[in-house]
Amino acid sequence: MPRKRLPLGTWGDIRTLPVGYSDAGVANRFEARAKFPDLDAVTRLVAAQGEDQVGGVEQLAGEVDQA
């Protein structure tokens, strides 16, 4: 059974993953990703980076709000 479509102009689950590491091996840069069905009905993967997980999610939310 297929998944339900996302309503236009809203995003799906936001995932975060580490993309940068310090010399000590600690994650110091994170990327937040989500699928976003734009107003033209094309679902796109949008991403933004921040210095921590919350920062990445906040950057992503700001970019989606501007779209």
PDB file of N, CA and C in Angstrom:
ATOM      1  N   MET A   1       0.841  -1.171   0.000  1.00  0.00           N
ATOM      2  CA  MET A   1       0.000   0.000   0.000  1.00  0.00           C
ATOM      3  C   MET A   1       0.891   1.240   0.000  1.00  0.00           C
ATOM      4  N   PRO A   2       0.665   2.165  -0.913  1.00  0.00           N
ATOM      5  CA  PRO A   2       1.521   3.349  -0.994  1.00  0.00           C
ATOM      6  C   PRO A   2       1.297   4.299   0.186  1.00  0.00           C
ATOM      7  N   ARG A   3       2.312   5.122   0.409  1.00  0.00           N
ATOM      8  CA  ARG A   3       2.193   6.123   1.477  1.00  0.00           C
ATOM      9  C   ARG A   3       1.273   7.253   1.050  1.00  0.00           C
ATOM     10  N   LYS A   4       0.721   7.916   2.042  1.00  0.00           N
ATOM     11  CA  LYS A   4      -0.112   9.076   1.785  1.00  0.00           C
ATOM     12  C   LYS A   4       0.765  10.233   1.314  1.00  0.00           C
ATOM     13  N   ARG A   5       0.291  11.003   0.376  1.00  0.00           N
ATOM     14  CA  ARG A   5       1.056  12.156  -0.107  1.00  0.00           C
ATOM     15  C   ARG A   5       1.100  13.251   0.950  1.00  0.00           C
ATOM     16  N   LEU A   6       2.204  13.982   0.951  1.00  0.00           N
ATOM     17  CA  LEU A   6       2.303  15.140   1.836  1.00  0.00           C
ATOM     18  C   LEU A   6       1.472  16.274   1.260  1.00  0.00           C
ATOM     19  N   PRO A   7       0.776  17.032   2.099  1.00  0.00           N
ATOM     20  CA  PRO A   7       0.066  18.202   1.592  1.00  0.00           C
ATOM     21  C   PRO A   7       1.057  19.219   1.024  1.00  0.00           C
ATOM     22  N   LEU A   8       0.653  19.933  -0.005  1.00  0.00           N
ATOM     23  CA  LEU A   8       1.533  20.933  -0.620  1.00  0.00           C
ATOM     24  C   LEU A   8       1.933  21.992   0.402  1.00  0.00           C
ATOM     25  N   GLY A   9       3.202  22.379   0.338  1.00  0.00           N
ATOM     26  CA  GLY A   9       3.702  23.445   1.207  1.00  0.00           C
ATOM     27  C   GLY A   9       4.064  22.991   2.609  1.00  0.00           C
ATOM     28  N   THR A  10       4.003  21.679   2.908  1.00  0.00           N
ATOM     29  CA  THR A  10       4.428  21.174   4.213  1.00  0.00           C
ATOM     30  C   THR A  10       5.589  20.207   3.998  1.00  0.00           C
ATOM     31  N   TRP A  11       6.374  19.944   5.044  1.00  0.00           N
ATOM     32  CA  TRP A  11       7.476  19.013   4.872  1.00  0.00           C
ATOM     33  C   TRP A  11       7.253  17.765   5.700  1.00  0.00           C
ATOM     34  N   GLY A  12       7.944  16.705   5.311  1.00  0.00           N
ATOM     35  CA  GLY A  12       7.840  15.434   6.012  1.00  0.00           C
ATOM     36  C   GLY A  12       8.758  15.406   7.220  1.00  0.00           C
ATOM     37  N   ASP A  13       9.082  14.213   7.678  1.00  0.00           N
ATOM     38  CA  ASP A  13       9.962  14.052   8.828  1.00  0.00           C
ATOM     39  C   ASP A  13      11.324  14.672   8.536  1.00  0.00           C
ATOM     40  N   ILE A  14      11.866  15.361   9.528  1.00  0.00           N
ATOM     41  CA  ILE A  14      13.189  15.965   9.391  1.00  0.00           C
ATOM     42  C   ILE A  14      14.213  15.008   9.979  1.00  0.00           C
ATOM     43  N   ARG A  15      15.225  14.668   9.171  1.00  0.00           N
ATOM     44  CA  ARG A  15      16.300  13.782   9.609  1.00  0.00           C
ATOM     45  C   ARG A  15      17.578  14.600   9.735  1.00  0.00           C
ATOM     46  N   THR A  16      18.365  14.305  10.751  1.00  0.00           N
ATOM     47  CA  THR A  16      19.659  14.976  10.898  1.00  0.00           C
ATOM     48  C   THR A  16      20.763  13.916  10.883  1.00  0.00           C
ATOM     49  N   LEU A  17      21.897  14.296  10.306  1.00  0.00           N
ATOM     50  CA  LEU A  17      23.041  13.398  10.297  1.00  0.00           C
ATOM     51  C   LEU A  17      24.314  14.227  10.367  1.00  0.00           C
ATOM     52  N   PRO A  18      25.344  13.675  11.011  1.00  0.00           N
ATOM     53  CA  PRO A  18      26.612  14.399  11.115  1.00  0.00           C
ATOM     54  C   PRO A  18      27.316  14.430   9.766  1.00  0.00           C
ATOM     55  N   VAL A  19      27.876  15.584   9.423  1.00  0.00           N
ATOM     56  CA  VAL A  19      28.607  15.706   8.159  1.00  0.00           C
ATOM     57  C   VAL A  19      30.022  16.244   8.355  1.00  0.00           C
ATOM     58  N   GLY A  20      30.345  16.709   9.553  1.00  0.00           N
ATOM     59  CA  GLY A  20      31.688  17.210   9.825  1.00  0.00           C
ATOM     60  C   GLY A  20      32.155  16.744  11.195  1.00  0.00           C
ATOM     61  N   TYR A  21      33.444  16.472  11.297  1.00  0.00           N
ATOM     62  CA  TYR A  21      33.997  15.958  12.549  1.00  0.00           C
ATOM     63  C   TYR A  21      35.226  16.761  12.935  1.00  0.00           C
ATOM     64  N   SER A  22      35.436  16.917  14.246  1.00  0.00           N
ATOM     65  CA  SER A  22      36.630  17.590  14.745  1.00  0.00           C
ATOM     66  C   SER A  22      37.799  16.598  14.705  1.00  0.00           C
ATOM     67  N   ASP A  23      38.979  17.081  15.043  1.00  0.00           N
ATOM     68  CA  ASP A  23      40.160  16.217  15.073  1.00  0.00           C
ATOM     69  C   ASP A  23      40.012  15.101  16.102  1.00  0.00           C
ATOM     70  N   ALA A  24      39.207  15.328  17.143  1.00  0.00           N
ATOM     71  CA  ALA A  24      38.993  14.323  18.183  1.00  0.00           C
ATOM     72  C   ALA A  24      37.933  13.300  17.777  1.00  0.00           C
ATOM     73  N   GLY A  25      37.326  13.473  16.589  1.00  0.00           N
ATOM     74  CA  GLY A  25      36.327  12.526  16.113  1.00  0.00           C
ATOM     75  C   GLY A  25      34.914  12.828  16.574  1.00  0.00           C
ATOM     76  N   VAL A  26      34.709  14.025  17.121  1.00  0.00           N
ATOM     77  CA  VAL A  26      33.384  14.423  17.598  1.00  0.00           C
ATOM     78  C   VAL A  26      32.676  15.187  16.480  1.00  0.00           C
ATOM     79  N   ALA A  27      31.405  14.863  16.270  1.00  0.00           N
ATOM     80  CA  ALA A  27      30.635  15.552  15.227  1.00  0.00           C
ATOM     81  C   ALA A  27      30.485  17.023  15.592  1.00  0.00           C
ATOM     82  N   ASN A  28      30.831  17.919  14.648  1.00  0.00           N
ATOM     83  CA  ASN A  28      30.712  19.348  14.915  1.00  0.00           C
ATOM     84  C   ASN A  28      29.928  20.078  13.822  1.00  0.00           C
ATOM     85  N   ARG A  29      29.353  19.354  12.894  1.00  0.00           N
ATOM     86  CA  ARG A  29      28.533  19.939  11.823  1.00  0.00           C
ATOM     87  C   ARG A  29      27.446  18.927  11.473  1.00  0.00           C
ATOM     88  N   PHE A  30      26.215  19.383  11.394  1.00  0.00           N
ATOM     89  CA  PHE A  30      25.095  18.496  11.120  1.00  0.00           C
ATOM     90  C   PHE A  30      24.288  19.012   9.938  1.00  0.00           C
ATOM     91  N   GLU A  31      23.689  18.077   9.206  1.00  0.00           N
ATOM     92  CA  GLU A  31      22.824  18.428   8.093  1.00  0.00           C
ATOM     93  C   GLU A  31      21.416  17.916   8.397  1.00  0.00           C
ATOM     94  N   ALA A  32      20.430  18.777   8.222  1.00  0.00           N
ATOM     95  CA  ALA A  32      19.026  18.402   8.377  1.00  0.00           C
ATOM     96  C   ALA A  32      18.429  18.270   6.980  1.00  0.00           C
ATOM     97  N   ARG A  33      17.663  17.198   6.763  1.00  0.00           N
ATOM     98  CA  ARG A  33      17.052  16.947   5.453  1.00  0.00           C
ATOM     99  C   ARG A  33      15.576  16.635   5.625  1.00  0.00           C
ATOM    100  N   ALA A  34      14.794  17.044   4.646  1.00  0.00           N
ATOM    101  CA  ALA A  34      13.367  16.717   4.634  1.00  0.00           C
ATOM    102  C   ALA A  34      12.864  16.757   3.204  1.00  0.00           C
ATOM    103  N   LYS A  35      11.795  16.038   2.949  1.00  0.00           N
ATOM    104  CA  LYS A  35      11.139  16.124   1.649  1.00  0.00           C
ATOM    105  C   LYS A  35      10.082  17.214   1.740  1.00  0.00           C
ATOM    106  N   PHE A  36      10.007  18.022   0.680  1.00  0.00           N
ATOM    107  CA  PHE A  36       9.116  19.177   0.672  1.00  0.00           C
ATOM    108  C   PHE A  36       8.373  19.226  -0.654  1.00  0.00           C
ATOM    109  N   PRO A  37       7.051  18.977  -0.664  1.00  0.00           N
ATOM    110  CA  PRO A  37       6.292  19.116  -1.905  1.00  0.00           C
ATOM    111  C   PRO A  37       6.010  20.595  -2.161  1.00  0.00           C
ATOM    112  N   ASP A  38       6.678  21.134  -3.153  1.00  0.00           N
ATOM    113  CA  ASP A  38       6.534  22.549  -3.487  1.00  0.00           C
ATOM    114  C   ASP A  38       5.157  22.817  -4.079  1.00  0.00           C
ATOM    115  N   LEU A  39       4.825  24.059  -4.257  1.00  0.00           N
ATOM    116  CA  LEU A  39       3.503  24.428  -4.749  1.00  0.00           C
ATOM    117  C   LEU A  39       3.247  23.980  -6.181  1.00  0.00           C
ATOM    118  N   ASP A  40       4.303  23.545  -6.903  1.00  0.00           N
ATOM    119  CA  ASP A  40       4.105  22.998  -8.247  1.00  0.00           C
ATOM    120  C   ASP A  40       3.940  21.476  -8.210  1.00  0.00           C
ATOM    121  N   ALA A  41       3.721  20.905  -7.021  1.00  0.00           N
ATOM    122  CA  ALA A  41       3.441  19.486  -6.784  1.00  0.00           C
ATOM    123  C   ALA A  41       4.636  18.568  -7.036  1.00  0.00           C
ATOM    124  N   VAL A  42       5.848  19.112  -7.100  1.00  0.00           N
ATOM    125  CA  VAL A  42       7.057  18.305  -7.230  1.00  0.00           C
ATOM    126  C   VAL A  42       7.697  18.197  -5.845  1.00  0.00           C
ATOM    127  N   THR A  43       7.922  16.966  -5.390  1.00  0.00           N
ATOM    128  CA  THR A  43       8.532  16.765  -4.077  1.00  0.00           C
ATOM    129  C   THR A  43      10.041  16.836  -4.227  1.00  0.00           C
ATOM    130  N   ARG A  44      10.648  17.720  -3.448  1.00  0.00           N
ATOM    131  CA  ARG A  44      12.093  17.927  -3.513  1.00  0.00           C
ATOM    132  C   ARG A  44      12.720  17.613  -2.164  1.00  0.00           C
ATOM    133  N   LEU A  45      13.969  17.183  -2.196  1.00  0.00           N
ATOM    134  CA  LEU A  45      14.738  17.000  -0.976  1.00  0.00           C
ATOM    135  C   LEU A  45      15.416  18.324  -0.665  1.00  0.00           C
ATOM    136  N   VAL A  46      15.130  18.882   0.504  1.00  0.00           N
ATOM    137  CA  VAL A  46      15.764  20.131   0.917  1.00  0.00           C
ATOM    138  C   VAL A  46      16.683  19.830   2.093  1.00  0.00           C
ATOM    139  N   ALA A  47      17.785  20.563   2.177  1.00  0.00           N
ATOM    140  CA  ALA A  47      18.769  20.314   3.222  1.00  0.00           C
ATOM    141  C   ALA A  47      19.396  21.620   3.672  1.00  0.00           C
ATOM    142  N   ALA A  48      19.826  21.648   4.928  1.00  0.00           N
ATOM    143  CA  ALA A  48      20.528  22.797   5.488  1.00  0.00           C
ATOM    144  C   ALA A  48      21.474  22.280   6.565  1.00  0.00           C
ATOM    145  N   GLN A  49      22.553  23.030   6.819  1.00  0.00           N
ATOM    146  CA  GLN A  49      23.545  22.613   7.802  1.00  0.00           C
ATOM    147  C   GLN A  49      23.618  23.599   8.955  1.00  0.00           C
ATOM    148  N   GLY A  50      24.005  23.066  10.110  1.00  0.00           N
ATOM    149  CA  GLY A  50      24.192  23.878  11.303  1.00  0.00           C
ATOM    150  C   GLY A  50      25.269  23.272  12.176  1.00  0.00           C
ATOM    151  N   GLU A  51      25.677  24.008  13.211  1.00  0.00           N
ATOM    152  CA  GLU A  51      26.748  23.535  14.087  1.00  0.00           C
ATOM    153  C   GLU A  51      26.284  22.472  15.067  1.00  0.00           C
ATOM    154  N   ASP A  52      24.982  22.341  15.258  1.00  0.00           N
ATOM    155  CA  ASP A  52      24.433  21.256  16.061  1.00  0.00           C
ATOM    156  C   ASP A  52      23.127  20.806  15.422  1.00  0.00           C
ATOM    157  N   GLN A  53      22.504  19.767  15.971  1.00  0.00           N
ATOM    158  CA  GLN A  53      21.296  19.232  15.346  1.00  0.00           C
ATOM    159  C   GLN A  53      20.168  20.254  15.325  1.00  0.00           C
ATOM    160  N   VAL A  54      19.996  20.966  16.410  1.00  0.00           N
ATOM    161  CA  VAL A  54      18.934  21.976  16.479  1.00  0.00           C
ATOM    162  C   VAL A  54      19.208  23.099  15.486  1.00  0.00           C
ATOM    163  N   GLY A  55      20.455  23.512  15.361  1.00  0.00           N
ATOM    164  CA  GLY A  55      20.815  24.564  14.407  1.00  0.00           C
ATOM    165  C   GLY A  55      20.521  24.156  12.976  1.00  0.00           C
ATOM    166  N   GLY A  56      20.776  22.899  12.649  1.00  0.00           N
ATOM    167  CA  GLY A  56      20.477  22.416  11.308  1.00  0.00           C
ATOM    168  C   GLY A  56      18.987  22.429  11.022  1.00  0.00           C
ATOM    169  N   VAL A  57      18.192  22.012  12.000  1.00  0.00           N
ATOM    170  CA  VAL A  57      16.737  22.000  11.829  1.00  0.00           C
ATOM    171  C   VAL A  57      16.205  23.423  11.703  1.00  0.00           C
ATOM    172  N   GLU A  58      16.733  24.349  12.501  1.00  0.00           N
ATOM    173  CA  GLU A  58      16.293  25.748  12.417  1.00  0.00           C
ATOM    174  C   GLU A  58      16.647  26.354  11.060  1.00  0.00           C
ATOM    175  N   GLN A  59      17.841  26.060  10.545  1.00  0.00           N
ATOM    176  CA  GLN A  59      18.241  26.547   9.223  1.00  0.00           C
ATOM    177  C   GLN A  59      17.302  25.995   8.148  1.00  0.00           C
ATOM    178  N   LEU A  60      16.983  24.712   8.260  1.00  0.00           N
ATOM    179  CA  LEU A  60      16.098  24.069   7.289  1.00  0.00           C
ATOM    180  C   LEU A  60      14.708  24.710   7.328  1.00  0.00           C
ATOM    181  N   ALA A  61      14.185  24.931   8.520  1.00  0.00           N
ATOM    182  CA  ALA A  61      12.868  25.555   8.645  1.00  0.00           C
ATOM    183  C   ALA A  61      12.865  26.954   8.037  1.00  0.00           C
ATOM    184  N   GLY A  62      13.954  27.698   8.223  1.00  0.00           N
ATOM    185  CA  GLY A  62      14.060  29.032   7.632  1.00  0.00           C
ATOM    186  C   GLY A  62      14.088  28.978   6.121  1.00  0.00           C
ATOM    187  N   GLU A  63      14.792  28.002   5.559  1.00  0.00           N
ATOM    188  CA  GLU A  63      14.857  27.887   4.092  1.00  0.00           C
ATOM    189  C   GLU A  63      13.514  27.482   3.514  1.00  0.00           C
ATOM    190  N   VAL A  64      12.809  26.572   4.174  1.00  0.00           N
ATOM    191  CA  VAL A  64      11.509  26.126   3.676  1.00  0.00           C
ATOM    192  C   VAL A  64      10.498  27.258   3.763  1.00  0.00           C
ATOM    193  N   ASP A  65      10.557  28.057   4.827  1.00  0.00           N
ATOM    194  CA  ASP A  65       9.629  29.183   4.963  1.00  0.00           C
ATOM    195  C   ASP A  65       9.850  30.224   3.875  1.00  0.00           C
ATOM    196  N   GLN A  66      11.090  30.377   3.401  1.00  0.00           N
ATOM    197  CA  GLN A  66      11.381  31.354   2.350  1.00  0.00           C
ATOM    198  C   GLN A  66      10.932  30.881   0.979  1.00  0.00           C
ATOM    199  N   ALA A  67      10.803  29.572   0.803  1.00  0.00           N
ATOM    200  CA  ALA A  67      10.425  29.008  -0.503  1.00  0.00           C
ATOM    201  C   ALA A  67       8.983  29.289  -0.860  1.00  0.00           C
TER     202      ALA A  67
END
